[in-house]
């Protein structure tokens, strides 16, 4: 009777190890998908920003708050934080600081591209800001393409690797 309980406990432990290692592979693979999603949301947000700045002439903090309310919350927080910081800082400084604090799946290269907005944000005329938004948006298109290629290449690999390593560990422990 004690032997059956030990075998059952061992099998449960092996299952837990397998699921944990497989889960790690899935978490790593999901980062690639989340980066693509975040970049696409940022692109949508920039398009909204460009449209609002062109046609409404509202202050940038108001526009950023509207964007934050109308897009995915994990990207919306960037615009919300920037709008809040604009109460005490210039638009460019607020954007830069918010971007540095931004917790997301985007990488440093993506952040550097978005950082380009801080140079002219709120400092130049309407055309200058619109051209900077368009330039950043074009760079984001390139980053989205790269992220989609990385996702296609790496996502399946990390899921499979997690399962394979999980099975290997289970086999070794058996």
Foldseek 3Di string as FASTA:
>chain_A
DVVVVVVVVLVVVLVVLLVVLLVVLQVVLVLLVFQLVLLVLVLVLLVQQLVCVVPPVDDQLVSLQVSLVPTDVLNSVLSPQLSVCVVPDPSLVSNLVSLVVRDGSHDPVLSVLSNQLSVPVVPDDSVVNSVSSVSSSVVSVVVSVVSVVCSVPRNVVSSVVSNVVSVVVSVVVD
